[in-house]
N, C-alpha and C. Protein backbone atom coordinates (compact mmCIF):
# COMPACT_ATOMS: atom_id res chain seq x y z
N MET A 1 -44.30 47.00 -66.36
CA MET A 1 -44.78 47.37 -67.85
C MET A 1 -44.12 48.57 -68.23
N GLU A 2 -43.82 48.72 -69.35
CA GLU A 2 -42.93 49.83 -69.81
C GLU A 2 -44.10 51.08 -69.84
N PRO A 3 -43.54 52.36 -69.76
CA PRO A 3 -44.54 53.50 -69.66
C PRO A 3 -45.13 53.68 -71.13
N GLU A 4 -44.44 53.33 -72.12
CA GLU A 4 -45.12 53.52 -73.53
C GLU A 4 -46.21 52.57 -73.64
N LYS A 5 -45.99 51.31 -73.06
CA LYS A 5 -47.17 50.32 -73.28
C LYS A 5 -48.36 50.76 -72.44
N SER A 6 -48.14 51.14 -71.28
CA SER A 6 -49.19 51.60 -70.53
C SER A 6 -49.95 52.81 -71.07
N ARG A 7 -49.13 53.81 -71.79
CA ARG A 7 -49.73 54.69 -72.48
C ARG A 7 -50.74 54.29 -73.55
N LYS A 8 -50.20 53.34 -74.41
CA LYS A 8 -50.90 52.68 -75.36
C LYS A 8 -52.21 52.14 -74.88
N ILE A 9 -52.13 51.42 -73.83
CA ILE A 9 -53.25 50.78 -73.18
C ILE A 9 -54.33 51.79 -72.72
N LEU A 10 -53.88 52.98 -72.21
CA LEU A 10 -54.71 53.96 -71.77
C LEU A 10 -55.53 54.54 -73.16
N ILE A 11 -54.82 54.77 -74.21
CA ILE A 11 -55.47 55.38 -75.32
C ILE A 11 -56.35 54.39 -75.78
N ASP A 12 -56.03 52.92 -75.90
CA ASP A 12 -56.98 52.03 -76.37
C ASP A 12 -58.21 51.83 -75.49
N VAL A 13 -57.97 51.88 -74.23
CA VAL A 13 -59.31 51.99 -73.38
C VAL A 13 -60.11 53.10 -73.56
N GLN A 14 -59.47 54.32 -73.66
CA GLN A 14 -60.30 55.52 -73.95
C GLN A 14 -61.04 55.42 -75.12
N THR A 15 -60.36 55.08 -76.25
CA THR A 15 -61.11 54.67 -77.53
C THR A 15 -62.23 53.76 -77.40
N LYS A 16 -62.03 52.73 -76.80
CA LYS A 16 -63.24 51.81 -76.57
C LYS A 16 -64.34 52.31 -75.77
N LEU A 17 -63.97 53.21 -74.72
CA LEU A 17 -64.97 53.83 -73.77
C LEU A 17 -65.95 54.82 -74.67
N LEU A 18 -65.14 55.60 -75.54
CA LEU A 18 -65.87 56.31 -76.60
C LEU A 18 -66.76 55.60 -77.48
N ASP A 19 -66.34 54.41 -78.03
CA ASP A 19 -67.19 53.70 -78.78
C ASP A 19 -68.48 53.16 -78.03
N ILE A 20 -68.20 52.77 -76.63
CA ILE A 20 -69.33 52.35 -75.80
C ILE A 20 -70.35 53.53 -75.64
N MET A 21 -69.78 54.64 -75.56
CA MET A 21 -70.64 55.88 -75.20
C MET A 21 -71.64 56.20 -76.64
N GLU A 22 -71.05 56.00 -77.60
CA GLU A 22 -71.90 56.00 -78.94
C GLU A 22 -72.98 55.03 -78.92
N ILE A 23 -72.73 53.74 -78.44
CA ILE A 23 -73.66 52.66 -78.43
C ILE A 23 -74.79 53.02 -77.51
N ILE A 24 -74.51 53.49 -76.37
CA ILE A 24 -75.54 53.56 -75.41
C ILE A 24 -76.52 54.71 -75.67
N ASN A 25 -76.38 55.62 -76.56
CA ASN A 25 -77.18 56.78 -76.91
C ASN A 25 -78.62 56.35 -77.00
N GLU A 26 -78.90 54.91 -77.54
CA GLU A 26 -80.31 54.44 -77.73
C GLU A 26 -80.91 53.99 -76.29
N LEU A 27 -80.18 54.01 -75.32
CA LEU A 27 -80.72 53.63 -73.99
C LEU A 27 -81.23 54.63 -73.41
N PRO A 28 -82.47 54.28 -72.47
CA PRO A 28 -83.05 55.39 -71.76
C PRO A 28 -81.97 56.17 -70.96
N GLN A 29 -82.42 57.40 -70.49
CA GLN A 29 -81.36 58.22 -69.72
C GLN A 29 -80.82 57.65 -68.52
N GLY A 30 -81.63 56.86 -67.80
CA GLY A 30 -81.21 56.46 -66.60
C GLY A 30 -80.17 55.31 -66.68
N TYR A 31 -80.25 54.53 -67.88
CA TYR A 31 -79.21 53.59 -68.12
C TYR A 31 -77.94 54.34 -68.73
N GLN A 32 -78.04 55.34 -69.43
CA GLN A 32 -77.01 56.08 -70.10
C GLN A 32 -76.15 56.59 -68.76
N TYR A 33 -76.80 57.20 -67.98
CA TYR A 33 -75.99 57.65 -66.70
C TYR A 33 -75.43 56.69 -65.99
N LYS A 34 -75.94 55.49 -65.66
CA LYS A 34 -75.22 54.50 -65.07
C LYS A 34 -73.96 54.05 -65.86
N VAL A 35 -74.12 53.84 -67.02
CA VAL A 35 -72.99 53.41 -67.91
C VAL A 35 -71.99 54.44 -68.01
N ARG A 36 -72.26 55.67 -68.02
CA ARG A 36 -71.23 56.81 -67.94
C ARG A 36 -70.51 56.87 -66.86
N GLU A 37 -71.30 56.65 -65.64
CA GLU A 37 -70.62 56.53 -64.16
C GLU A 37 -69.48 55.45 -64.33
N MET A 38 -69.89 54.25 -64.87
CA MET A 38 -69.11 53.10 -64.72
C MET A 38 -67.86 53.20 -65.68
N LEU A 39 -68.25 53.81 -66.79
CA LEU A 39 -67.04 54.03 -67.68
C LEU A 39 -66.04 55.28 -67.12
N SER A 40 -66.45 56.04 -66.48
CA SER A 40 -65.63 57.06 -65.84
C SER A 40 -64.91 56.49 -64.81
N CYS A 41 -65.37 55.46 -63.84
CA CYS A 41 -64.51 54.66 -63.03
C CYS A 41 -63.45 54.02 -63.75
N ALA A 42 -63.66 53.39 -64.80
CA ALA A 42 -62.84 52.46 -65.56
C ALA A 42 -61.73 53.29 -66.08
N GLU A 43 -62.06 54.40 -66.66
CA GLU A 43 -61.25 55.45 -67.16
C GLU A 43 -60.17 55.85 -66.14
N THR A 44 -60.60 56.27 -64.92
CA THR A 44 -59.96 56.81 -63.93
C THR A 44 -58.80 55.68 -63.40
N VAL A 45 -59.27 54.61 -63.26
CA VAL A 45 -58.37 53.51 -62.90
C VAL A 45 -57.37 53.28 -63.85
N VAL A 46 -57.64 53.19 -65.11
CA VAL A 46 -56.54 52.97 -66.20
C VAL A 46 -55.57 54.12 -66.15
N SER A 47 -56.16 55.49 -66.04
CA SER A 47 -55.38 56.51 -66.03
C SER A 47 -54.41 56.75 -64.84
N MET A 48 -54.84 56.35 -63.60
CA MET A 48 -54.09 56.24 -62.52
C MET A 48 -52.87 55.27 -62.74
N TYR A 49 -53.18 54.11 -63.29
CA TYR A 49 -52.25 53.14 -63.51
C TYR A 49 -51.08 53.61 -64.38
N ASP A 50 -51.60 54.30 -65.41
CA ASP A 50 -50.53 54.91 -66.54
C ASP A 50 -49.86 55.95 -65.77
N ASP A 51 -50.36 56.71 -64.96
CA ASP A 51 -49.66 57.83 -64.18
C ASP A 51 -48.49 57.10 -63.37
N ILE A 52 -48.78 56.08 -62.72
CA ILE A 52 -47.96 55.59 -61.66
C ILE A 52 -46.84 54.78 -62.58
N GLN A 53 -47.05 54.22 -63.82
CA GLN A 53 -46.17 53.80 -64.67
C GLN A 53 -45.09 54.90 -65.16
N HIS A 54 -45.65 56.00 -65.26
CA HIS A 54 -44.78 57.22 -65.83
C HIS A 54 -44.12 57.84 -64.62
N GLY A 55 -44.22 57.35 -63.31
CA GLY A 55 -43.53 58.04 -62.38
C GLY A 55 -44.40 59.11 -61.59
N ILE A 56 -45.55 59.31 -62.06
CA ILE A 56 -46.34 60.39 -61.26
C ILE A 56 -47.26 59.53 -60.08
N ILE A 57 -46.79 59.92 -59.15
CA ILE A 57 -47.28 59.21 -57.92
C ILE A 57 -48.16 60.12 -57.13
N PRO A 58 -49.44 59.83 -56.84
CA PRO A 58 -50.24 60.70 -56.07
C PRO A 58 -49.78 60.96 -54.68
N ASP A 59 -49.91 62.11 -54.10
CA ASP A 59 -49.44 62.60 -52.93
C ASP A 59 -49.66 61.53 -51.74
N ILE A 60 -50.96 60.98 -51.80
CA ILE A 60 -51.27 60.07 -50.67
C ILE A 60 -50.41 59.00 -50.54
N LEU A 61 -49.85 58.60 -51.78
CA LEU A 61 -49.08 57.39 -51.75
C LEU A 61 -47.57 57.86 -51.62
N LYS A 62 -47.19 58.99 -51.86
CA LYS A 62 -45.94 59.53 -51.54
C LYS A 62 -45.65 59.65 -50.06
N ASP A 63 -46.57 60.43 -49.39
CA ASP A 63 -46.50 60.66 -47.94
C ASP A 63 -46.58 59.38 -47.21
N ASP A 64 -45.81 59.61 -46.09
CA ASP A 64 -45.84 58.33 -44.96
C ASP A 64 -47.07 58.59 -44.12
N VAL A 65 -48.12 58.45 -44.74
CA VAL A 65 -49.32 58.69 -44.08
C VAL A 65 -50.06 57.29 -43.40
N ASN A 66 -50.28 57.35 -42.33
CA ASN A 66 -50.89 56.18 -41.82
C ASN A 66 -52.35 56.41 -41.62
N ILE A 67 -53.22 55.74 -42.42
CA ILE A 67 -54.54 56.01 -42.27
C ILE A 67 -55.15 54.93 -41.71
N ASN A 68 -55.93 55.15 -40.57
CA ASN A 68 -56.58 54.18 -39.99
C ASN A 68 -57.83 53.69 -40.66
N THR A 69 -57.77 52.46 -41.15
CA THR A 69 -59.01 52.07 -41.96
C THR A 69 -59.97 51.12 -41.18
N GLU A 70 -59.48 50.98 -39.78
CA GLU A 70 -60.63 50.24 -39.03
C GLU A 70 -61.74 51.05 -38.61
N VAL A 71 -62.87 50.42 -39.03
CA VAL A 71 -64.24 51.10 -38.68
C VAL A 71 -64.62 50.42 -37.47
N LYS A 72 -64.96 51.26 -36.39
CA LYS A 72 -65.59 50.63 -35.17
C LYS A 72 -67.01 50.39 -35.37
N GLU A 73 -67.62 49.35 -34.86
CA GLU A 73 -69.00 49.28 -35.10
C GLU A 73 -69.72 49.92 -33.90
N THR A 74 -70.66 50.51 -34.27
CA THR A 74 -71.47 51.30 -33.29
C THR A 74 -72.89 50.86 -33.31
N LYS A 75 -73.39 50.49 -32.11
CA LYS A 75 -74.77 49.91 -32.04
C LYS A 75 -75.60 51.21 -31.99
N LEU A 76 -76.77 51.17 -32.74
CA LEU A 76 -77.73 52.11 -32.49
C LEU A 76 -78.90 51.67 -31.96
N GLU A 77 -79.37 52.54 -30.94
CA GLU A 77 -80.49 52.11 -30.23
C GLU A 77 -81.74 52.26 -30.91
N SER A 78 -82.52 51.42 -31.13
CA SER A 78 -83.85 51.40 -32.01
C SER A 78 -84.86 52.15 -31.03
N GLU A 79 -85.69 52.81 -31.81
CA GLU A 79 -86.64 53.71 -31.01
C GLU A 79 -87.78 52.60 -30.65
N THR A 80 -88.20 52.74 -29.49
CA THR A 80 -89.20 51.87 -28.97
C THR A 80 -90.52 52.59 -29.33
N VAL A 81 -91.66 51.88 -29.58
CA VAL A 81 -92.79 52.43 -29.96
C VAL A 81 -93.71 52.23 -28.67
N SER A 82 -94.26 53.37 -28.27
CA SER A 82 -94.90 53.15 -26.92
C SER A 82 -96.50 52.92 -27.14
N ASN A 83 -96.80 53.36 -28.20
CA ASN A 83 -98.36 53.24 -28.50
C ASN A 83 -98.50 52.25 -29.67
N LYS A 84 -98.84 50.97 -29.18
CA LYS A 84 -99.10 50.08 -30.27
C LYS A 84 -100.69 50.03 -30.51
N LYS A 85 -100.96 50.08 -31.77
CA LYS A 85 -102.45 49.83 -32.23
C LYS A 85 -102.64 48.48 -32.99
N VAL A 86 -103.65 47.93 -32.44
CA VAL A 86 -104.12 46.48 -33.20
C VAL A 86 -105.05 46.84 -34.30
N LEU A 87 -104.87 46.39 -35.43
CA LEU A 87 -105.63 46.60 -36.54
C LEU A 87 -106.29 45.29 -36.78
N ASP A 88 -107.65 45.45 -36.75
CA ASP A 88 -108.47 44.15 -36.90
C ASP A 88 -109.05 44.13 -38.34
N LEU A 89 -108.59 43.10 -39.01
CA LEU A 89 -108.93 42.85 -40.29
C LEU A 89 -109.82 41.68 -40.67
N SER A 90 -110.55 41.26 -39.37
CA SER A 90 -111.32 39.93 -39.50
C SER A 90 -112.55 40.28 -40.22
N GLY A 91 -113.17 41.45 -40.42
CA GLY A 91 -114.30 41.73 -41.19
C GLY A 91 -114.15 41.97 -42.41
N ILE A 92 -113.01 41.99 -43.07
CA ILE A 92 -112.69 42.31 -44.57
C ILE A 92 -112.89 41.10 -45.42
N LYS A 93 -113.78 41.13 -46.45
CA LYS A 93 -113.96 39.95 -47.34
C LYS A 93 -113.48 40.54 -48.75
N ILE A 94 -112.73 39.58 -49.51
CA ILE A 94 -112.23 39.92 -50.68
C ILE A 94 -112.83 39.09 -51.72
N ASN A 95 -113.49 39.61 -52.79
CA ASN A 95 -114.10 38.86 -53.91
C ASN A 95 -113.11 38.80 -54.96
N ILE A 96 -112.60 37.42 -55.30
CA ILE A 96 -111.78 37.31 -56.41
C ILE A 96 -112.37 36.66 -57.59
């Protein structure tokens, strides 16, 4: 993709994200926060793509860095409960 086209896409995406921000003002605060976070992630991805199209490469991609992404599974020992109590519910009656 040509750098100019990716720049236009970035501007279009940012404009649409601003439109969405205006729409969500009527939502409760919690929903507004979640939508803003999601939109921020989307803008970051599009912006990074645009940077790469313009030859701006993040250092992590330039360096010959070998990141070990393998995660070793560790088993956690569960705590044992030494004092178990029995709760007797046989005498409880519920009137419905």
